[in-house]
Amino acid sequence: MSEWVDVVSQDALAEGEHVVVDVDGVEVAVFNLEGSFYAIEDVCSHDGAEIASGELQGDEIVCPRHGARFCVKTGQVKSAPAYEDIACFKVRIEDKRVKVRDDRWD
């Protein structure tokens, strides 16, 4: 079973900010959206490039390479050229620390 990975202080990420961290060998982007935290794999399902540096529009991240859009809350693809969702990870707050867990292989 995978462990919870301590990512960042809850107060360190302002609204709309993100951080990219390694969680069990996977690059994960953690976003603060209106005080709630969400985590998705930092990879565009269209071409495998990183996605976290793209523009955040509401709860969607726009891929900086080809403009595919994904929901930060669910990893669901919202527009072409991507057609596959990206992985979404569990997030919890414990003692004002944001923690992420990749339980896909449990």
N, C-alpha and C. Protein backbone atom coordinates (compact mmCIF):
# COMPACT_ATOMS: atom_id res chain seq x y z
N MET A 1 0.84 -1.17 0.00
CA MET A 1 0.00 0.00 0.00
C MET A 1 0.88 1.24 0.00
N SER A 2 0.56 2.21 -0.83
CA SER A 2 1.37 3.42 -0.90
C SER A 2 1.13 4.30 0.32
N GLU A 3 2.10 5.12 0.61
CA GLU A 3 2.05 6.00 1.77
C GLU A 3 1.61 7.40 1.34
N TRP A 4 1.13 8.17 2.30
CA TRP A 4 0.83 9.58 2.07
C TRP A 4 2.16 10.32 2.01
N VAL A 5 2.32 11.17 1.02
CA VAL A 5 3.55 11.94 0.84
C VAL A 5 3.27 13.39 1.24
N ASP A 6 4.07 13.90 2.18
CA ASP A 6 3.95 15.28 2.63
C ASP A 6 4.45 16.18 1.50
N VAL A 7 3.60 17.10 1.05
CA VAL A 7 3.92 17.92 -0.11
C VAL A 7 4.34 19.34 0.27
N VAL A 8 3.49 20.03 1.02
CA VAL A 8 3.72 21.45 1.27
C VAL A 8 2.81 21.89 2.42
N SER A 9 3.17 22.99 3.04
CA SER A 9 2.31 23.58 4.04
C SER A 9 1.05 24.10 3.37
N GLN A 10 -0.08 23.93 4.03
CA GLN A 10 -1.36 24.39 3.49
C GLN A 10 -1.33 25.89 3.20
N ASP A 11 -0.58 26.64 4.00
CA ASP A 11 -0.51 28.09 3.85
C ASP A 11 0.52 28.54 2.81
N ALA A 12 1.33 27.64 2.31
CA ALA A 12 2.39 28.01 1.37
C ALA A 12 1.90 28.20 -0.06
N LEU A 13 0.75 27.61 -0.40
CA LEU A 13 0.20 27.74 -1.75
C LEU A 13 -0.99 28.69 -1.73
N ALA A 14 -0.84 29.83 -2.34
CA ALA A 14 -1.94 30.78 -2.44
C ALA A 14 -2.95 30.30 -3.47
N GLU A 15 -4.13 30.87 -3.44
CA GLU A 15 -5.18 30.56 -4.40
C GLU A 15 -4.63 30.63 -5.83
N GLY A 16 -4.83 29.57 -6.60
CA GLY A 16 -4.38 29.53 -7.99
C GLY A 16 -2.95 29.08 -8.19
N GLU A 17 -2.21 28.88 -7.10
CA GLU A 17 -0.83 28.42 -7.22
C GLU A 17 -0.77 26.90 -7.22
N HIS A 18 0.39 26.39 -7.66
CA HIS A 18 0.60 24.94 -7.65
C HIS A 18 2.06 24.64 -7.34
N VAL A 19 2.30 23.39 -7.05
CA VAL A 19 3.66 22.89 -6.84
C VAL A 19 3.72 21.51 -7.48
N VAL A 20 4.88 21.15 -8.03
CA VAL A 20 5.07 19.82 -8.61
C VAL A 20 6.01 19.05 -7.70
N VAL A 21 5.59 17.83 -7.34
CA VAL A 21 6.37 16.99 -6.43
C VAL A 21 6.43 15.56 -6.96
N ASP A 22 7.40 14.82 -6.45
CA ASP A 22 7.53 13.41 -6.78
C ASP A 22 6.73 12.60 -5.75
N VAL A 23 5.81 11.80 -6.23
CA VAL A 23 5.01 10.92 -5.37
C VAL A 23 5.20 9.50 -5.88
N ASP A 24 5.97 8.71 -5.16
CA ASP A 24 6.25 7.32 -5.55
C ASP A 24 6.77 7.22 -6.98
N GLY A 25 7.65 8.16 -7.38
CA GLY A 25 8.25 8.12 -8.71
C GLY A 25 7.42 8.76 -9.81
N VAL A 26 6.31 9.39 -9.45
CA VAL A 26 5.43 10.04 -10.41
C VAL A 26 5.42 11.55 -10.13
N GLU A 27 5.59 12.36 -11.19
CA GLU A 27 5.51 13.81 -11.04
C GLU A 27 4.04 14.19 -10.89
N VAL A 28 3.71 14.86 -9.78
CA VAL A 28 2.33 15.22 -9.45
C VAL A 28 2.25 16.72 -9.23
N ALA A 29 1.25 17.34 -9.87
CA ALA A 29 1.00 18.77 -9.69
C ALA A 29 -0.13 18.93 -8.68
N VAL A 30 0.14 19.70 -7.62
CA VAL A 30 -0.84 19.95 -6.57
C VAL A 30 -1.28 21.40 -6.68
N PHE A 31 -2.59 21.62 -6.80
CA PHE A 31 -3.17 22.94 -7.02
C PHE A 31 -4.02 23.37 -5.84
N ASN A 32 -4.00 24.68 -5.55
CA ASN A 32 -4.92 25.28 -4.59
C ASN A 32 -5.98 26.01 -5.39
N LEU A 33 -7.21 25.50 -5.35
CA LEU A 33 -8.34 26.14 -6.02
C LEU A 33 -9.35 26.54 -4.97
N GLU A 34 -9.46 27.83 -4.73
CA GLU A 34 -10.41 28.37 -3.76
C GLU A 34 -10.29 27.72 -2.38
N GLY A 35 -9.04 27.46 -1.98
CA GLY A 35 -8.79 26.91 -0.65
C GLY A 35 -8.87 25.39 -0.56
N SER A 36 -9.23 24.73 -1.65
CA SER A 36 -9.24 23.27 -1.69
C SER A 36 -8.06 22.81 -2.55
N PHE A 37 -7.52 21.65 -2.22
CA PHE A 37 -6.32 21.16 -2.89
C PHE A 37 -6.65 19.95 -3.74
N TYR A 38 -6.04 19.92 -4.94
CA TYR A 38 -6.27 18.85 -5.90
C TYR A 38 -4.93 18.44 -6.48
N ALA A 39 -4.81 17.17 -6.87
CA ALA A 39 -3.55 16.68 -7.40
C ALA A 39 -3.80 15.84 -8.64
N ILE A 40 -3.05 16.14 -9.70
CA ILE A 40 -3.11 15.38 -10.95
C ILE A 40 -1.70 15.05 -11.39
N GLU A 41 -1.58 14.01 -12.20
CA GLU A 41 -0.28 13.67 -12.75
C GLU A 41 0.16 14.80 -13.68
N ASP A 42 1.42 15.17 -13.60
CA ASP A 42 1.95 16.28 -14.40
C ASP A 42 2.36 15.77 -15.77
N VAL A 43 1.36 15.32 -16.54
CA VAL A 43 1.64 14.81 -17.88
C VAL A 43 0.39 14.99 -18.74
N CYS A 44 0.58 15.49 -19.93
CA CYS A 44 -0.53 15.62 -20.88
C CYS A 44 -0.71 14.26 -21.56
N SER A 45 -1.93 13.75 -21.57
CA SER A 45 -2.17 12.45 -22.18
C SER A 45 -2.08 12.49 -23.70
N HIS A 46 -1.99 13.68 -24.26
CA HIS A 46 -1.86 13.81 -25.72
C HIS A 46 -0.46 13.46 -26.20
N ASP A 47 0.57 14.02 -25.53
CA ASP A 47 1.92 13.76 -26.02
C ASP A 47 2.95 13.48 -24.93
N GLY A 48 2.51 13.36 -23.67
CA GLY A 48 3.42 12.98 -22.59
C GLY A 48 4.23 14.13 -22.00
N ALA A 49 4.02 15.34 -22.48
CA ALA A 49 4.75 16.49 -21.94
C ALA A 49 4.16 16.92 -20.60
N GLU A 50 4.93 17.69 -19.85
CA GLU A 50 4.43 18.21 -18.58
C GLU A 50 3.28 19.17 -18.85
N ILE A 51 2.40 19.33 -17.87
CA ILE A 51 1.23 20.18 -18.08
C ILE A 51 1.11 21.30 -17.04
N ALA A 52 1.78 21.16 -15.91
CA ALA A 52 1.59 22.10 -14.80
C ALA A 52 1.96 23.54 -15.13
N SER A 53 2.83 23.75 -16.11
CA SER A 53 3.22 25.13 -16.45
C SER A 53 2.19 25.80 -17.35
N GLY A 54 1.15 25.07 -17.72
CA GLY A 54 0.09 25.66 -18.55
C GLY A 54 -0.73 26.66 -17.78
N GLU A 55 -1.62 27.35 -18.49
CA GLU A 55 -2.46 28.37 -17.89
C GLU A 55 -3.64 27.72 -17.15
N LEU A 56 -3.86 28.17 -15.94
CA LEU A 56 -5.00 27.71 -15.15
C LEU A 56 -6.17 28.63 -15.43
N GLN A 57 -7.28 28.05 -15.89
CA GLN A 57 -8.49 28.82 -16.19
C GLN A 57 -9.63 28.18 -15.41
N GLY A 58 -10.00 28.82 -14.30
CA GLY A 58 -11.02 28.23 -13.43
C GLY A 58 -10.47 26.95 -12.84
N ASP A 59 -11.17 25.82 -13.09
CA ASP A 59 -10.67 24.54 -12.59
C ASP A 59 -10.06 23.70 -13.70
N GLU A 60 -9.65 24.36 -14.79
CA GLU A 60 -9.02 23.65 -15.91
C GLU A 60 -7.60 24.14 -16.14
N ILE A 61 -6.72 23.19 -16.49
CA ILE A 61 -5.35 23.51 -16.87
C ILE A 61 -5.25 23.32 -18.38
N VAL A 62 -4.63 24.29 -19.05
CA VAL A 62 -4.47 24.25 -20.50
C VAL A 62 -3.04 23.84 -20.81
N CYS A 63 -2.89 22.77 -21.56
CA CYS A 63 -1.55 22.28 -21.90
C CYS A 63 -0.78 23.36 -22.65
N PRO A 64 0.45 23.65 -22.21
CA PRO A 64 1.23 24.71 -22.84
C PRO A 64 1.71 24.35 -24.25
N ARG A 65 1.66 23.09 -24.62
CA ARG A 65 2.16 22.69 -25.94
C ARG A 65 1.10 22.74 -27.03
N HIS A 66 -0.04 22.10 -26.80
CA HIS A 66 -1.03 21.99 -27.88
C HIS A 66 -2.43 22.41 -27.48
N GLY A 67 -2.61 22.92 -26.25
CA GLY A 67 -3.89 23.50 -25.85
C GLY A 67 -4.95 22.54 -25.34
N ALA A 68 -4.62 21.27 -25.15
CA ALA A 68 -5.59 20.35 -24.55
C ALA A 68 -5.94 20.86 -23.16
N ARG A 69 -7.16 20.60 -22.73
CA ARG A 69 -7.62 21.09 -21.42
C ARG A 69 -8.02 19.90 -20.55
N PHE A 70 -7.70 20.03 -19.25
CA PHE A 70 -8.02 18.98 -18.28
C PHE A 70 -8.59 19.62 -17.03
N CYS A 71 -9.54 18.95 -16.39
CA CYS A 71 -10.07 19.39 -15.11
C CYS A 71 -9.06 19.06 -14.03
N VAL A 72 -8.64 20.05 -13.28
CA VAL A 72 -7.68 19.85 -12.20
C VAL A 72 -8.30 19.02 -11.07
N LYS A 73 -9.60 19.12 -10.88
CA LYS A 73 -10.27 18.40 -9.79
C LYS A 73 -10.40 16.91 -10.05
N THR A 74 -10.51 16.52 -11.33
CA THR A 74 -10.79 15.11 -11.66
C THR A 74 -9.80 14.47 -12.62
N GLY A 75 -9.00 15.27 -13.31
CA GLY A 75 -8.11 14.76 -14.34
C GLY A 75 -8.81 14.51 -15.67
N GLN A 76 -10.11 14.79 -15.73
CA GLN A 76 -10.89 14.52 -16.94
C GLN A 76 -10.47 15.45 -18.08
N VAL A 77 -10.28 14.86 -19.26
CA VAL A 77 -9.97 15.66 -20.45
C VAL A 77 -11.20 16.46 -20.84
N LYS A 78 -10.98 17.72 -21.20
CA LYS A 78 -12.07 18.62 -21.55
C LYS A 78 -12.05 19.03 -23.01
N SER A 79 -10.89 18.92 -23.68
CA SER A 79 -10.84 19.28 -25.10
C SER A 79 -9.65 18.62 -25.80
N ALA A 80 -9.82 18.45 -27.09
CA ALA A 80 -8.77 17.90 -27.95
C ALA A 80 -7.61 18.90 -27.98
N PRO A 81 -6.41 18.43 -28.34
CA PRO A 81 -6.14 17.17 -29.01
C PRO A 81 -6.01 15.95 -28.09
N ALA A 82 -6.19 16.11 -26.80
CA ALA A 82 -6.15 14.96 -25.89
C ALA A 82 -7.52 14.28 -25.87
N TYR A 83 -7.51 12.97 -25.68
CA TYR A 83 -8.76 12.22 -25.59
C TYR A 83 -8.81 11.30 -24.38
N GLU A 84 -7.70 11.21 -23.65
CA GLU A 84 -7.64 10.36 -22.46
C GLU A 84 -7.43 11.23 -21.22
N ASP A 85 -8.12 10.86 -20.13
CA ASP A 85 -7.97 11.56 -18.86
C ASP A 85 -6.55 11.36 -18.33
N ILE A 86 -6.16 12.21 -17.39
CA ILE A 86 -4.90 12.01 -16.69
C ILE A 86 -5.21 11.60 -15.25
N ALA A 87 -4.25 10.96 -14.61
CA ALA A 87 -4.47 10.43 -13.26
C ALA A 87 -4.72 11.55 -12.26
N CYS A 88 -5.64 11.29 -11.36
CA CYS A 88 -5.99 12.19 -10.28
C CYS A 88 -5.64 11.47 -8.97
N PHE A 89 -5.10 12.19 -7.99
CA PHE A 89 -4.63 11.57 -6.76
C PHE A 89 -5.40 12.06 -5.55
N LYS A 90 -5.45 11.21 -4.54
CA LYS A 90 -6.09 11.58 -3.28
C LYS A 90 -5.25 12.62 -2.57
N VAL A 91 -5.93 13.59 -1.94
CA VAL A 91 -5.28 14.67 -1.19
C VAL A 91 -5.96 14.78 0.16
N ARG A 92 -5.16 15.01 1.18
CA ARG A 92 -5.74 15.29 2.50
C ARG A 92 -4.88 16.34 3.19
N ILE A 93 -5.51 17.01 4.15
CA ILE A 93 -4.81 18.00 4.98
C ILE A 93 -4.68 17.39 6.37
N GLU A 94 -3.46 17.40 6.87
CA GLU A 94 -3.19 16.87 8.20
C GLU A 94 -2.20 17.80 8.89
N ASP A 95 -2.61 18.36 10.02
CA ASP A 95 -1.76 19.30 10.76
C ASP A 95 -1.28 20.45 9.86
N LYS A 96 -2.19 20.98 9.04
CA LYS A 96 -1.92 22.09 8.13
C LYS A 96 -0.90 21.75 7.05
N ARG A 97 -0.71 20.46 6.79
CA ARG A 97 0.19 20.00 5.74
C ARG A 97 -0.65 19.31 4.66
N VAL A 98 -0.33 19.60 3.40
CA VAL A 98 -1.00 18.94 2.28
C VAL A 98 -0.26 17.65 1.99
N LYS A 99 -1.02 16.56 1.94
CA LYS A 99 -0.44 15.24 1.68
C LYS A 99 -1.16 14.60 0.49
N VAL A 100 -0.39 13.86 -0.31
CA VAL A 100 -0.90 13.23 -1.52
C VAL A 100 -0.55 11.75 -1.50
N ARG A 101 -1.44 10.97 -2.11
CA ARG A 101 -1.22 9.52 -2.14
C ARG A 101 -1.58 8.97 -3.51
N ASP A 102 -0.69 8.15 -4.06
CA ASP A 102 -0.95 7.46 -5.33
C ASP A 102 -1.35 6.03 -4.98
N ASP A 103 -2.64 5.75 -5.03
CA ASP A 103 -3.10 4.41 -4.66
C ASP A 103 -3.56 3.60 -5.88
N ARG A 104 -3.10 3.98 -7.06
CA ARG A 104 -3.51 3.26 -8.27
C ARG A 104 -3.07 1.81 -8.27
N TRP A 105 -1.99 1.49 -7.59
CA TRP A 105 -1.43 0.13 -7.67
C TRP A 105 -1.69 -0.66 -6.40
N ASP A 106 -2.45 -0.12 -5.47
CA ASP A 106 -2.74 -0.84 -4.22
C ASP A 106 -3.70 -1.98 -4.46
